[in-house]
């Protein structure tokens, strides 16, 4: 079956030349050829999904479809069939990337070419991009494969469009932009796929230290700071991501996000922050919100009025790692921004300190100066007055609720 993906590229190339067309009968023939090619692509996609059905069924039963391990298995299986496949978050190297890179170079030169790219989702299906390049333009036919309740793959055509903008970067990213009308609040029209491989060591640093925090809802990586200027950080923003990093699960709350204030005991709150930052109790207890009488921290989740991230927020990618003489690790991180069609919205340097118990601590962050930097805005938490204005009607007589 390995010939299938290459055969599709040939069919796409045929469609490209057919589009020159002739009048009347030529137009009908062109239409028939296109319908035939699209039907063939959908049938091929279903056949490809059948090829990893056993993986899907096992992961579905174990509720592990969303895990990186399972997505890697699916990508590897598609790769064995000759497909250029990657995950939807670019956390795994693309298979057969040389084919995709060659196509992008061809397109960048304004030449005619065709290629199919597969983006595996965390539901066990994939989005398929059939691309045609000509005269600097990029034609996109997008389809997807999902699974029925009975466990059968179904391929459907999603849309076809000429990319409003597209960009193939030096780092090996392809960005595609679907034009959206002003005020559109549906799914993003931006796609990013990394084709050039990234060293596994860099991916591991990213997975361990940078991705779990990211750029949404906190300013850990959005401002310059070190151990002497921790006051620049909002430590409350870091409690939830640090909690999940420390304990391997999300912090459980008993109300809709943002609508409730909790008393979190100091013995629970402080170790979470102390694990990942060079802080101690004396510094934490100077933070607004610490109650010395109850020895607890008054904590509110971010809610709809101060939500700190959205699908258009950039995501981090570690691109270099250096071990310093003092034993610390210096990570160079690029912010990949789909909406901006760029793999380097800004760059920052994160210093990590390794501990004997296997944990690590963030020691500093520095934004690399550049006129091209496009940092996402940091949204501060609601003030006490703002929070009470928005949420007091839910708890008119009691603003503080103990989390047990």
Foldseek 3Di string as FASTA:
>chain_A
DLCLQVVLQVLLLVLVVLVVFDPDVRVVVSVVSVVVSVVSVQVVQLVLLVQCLVLLVVCVVVVNLQPPVSLVVSQVSVLVSVAQEAEQVRLDATRPLVVVLVQVVCLVVQHWGWGKYWYAYSQSKIKIWTWIHHRNKIKTWIKIWHADPVSGIGIDTDDIDIFPDWDQDPQAKIKGADDDDPPDDDDHRIGIYHRDDADPVQSVCCVQPPQLLWQFQWCQAVDWDFLVPCVVTDLLSCQQSLVCSVPVDGDDDDDAAQQAKAWAALVPRQVSSVQAAVDHPVVVCVDPQQDPVRNTGIHGGADPVQTTDDPQAWGKGFRDWDQDPVRKIKTKIATCGRVVNDRHLWIKIWIWAADPVGGIYTGTMGTDDDPSHDHDDGGDGDDPVRSCVVHCVVPVPDRYDYDD
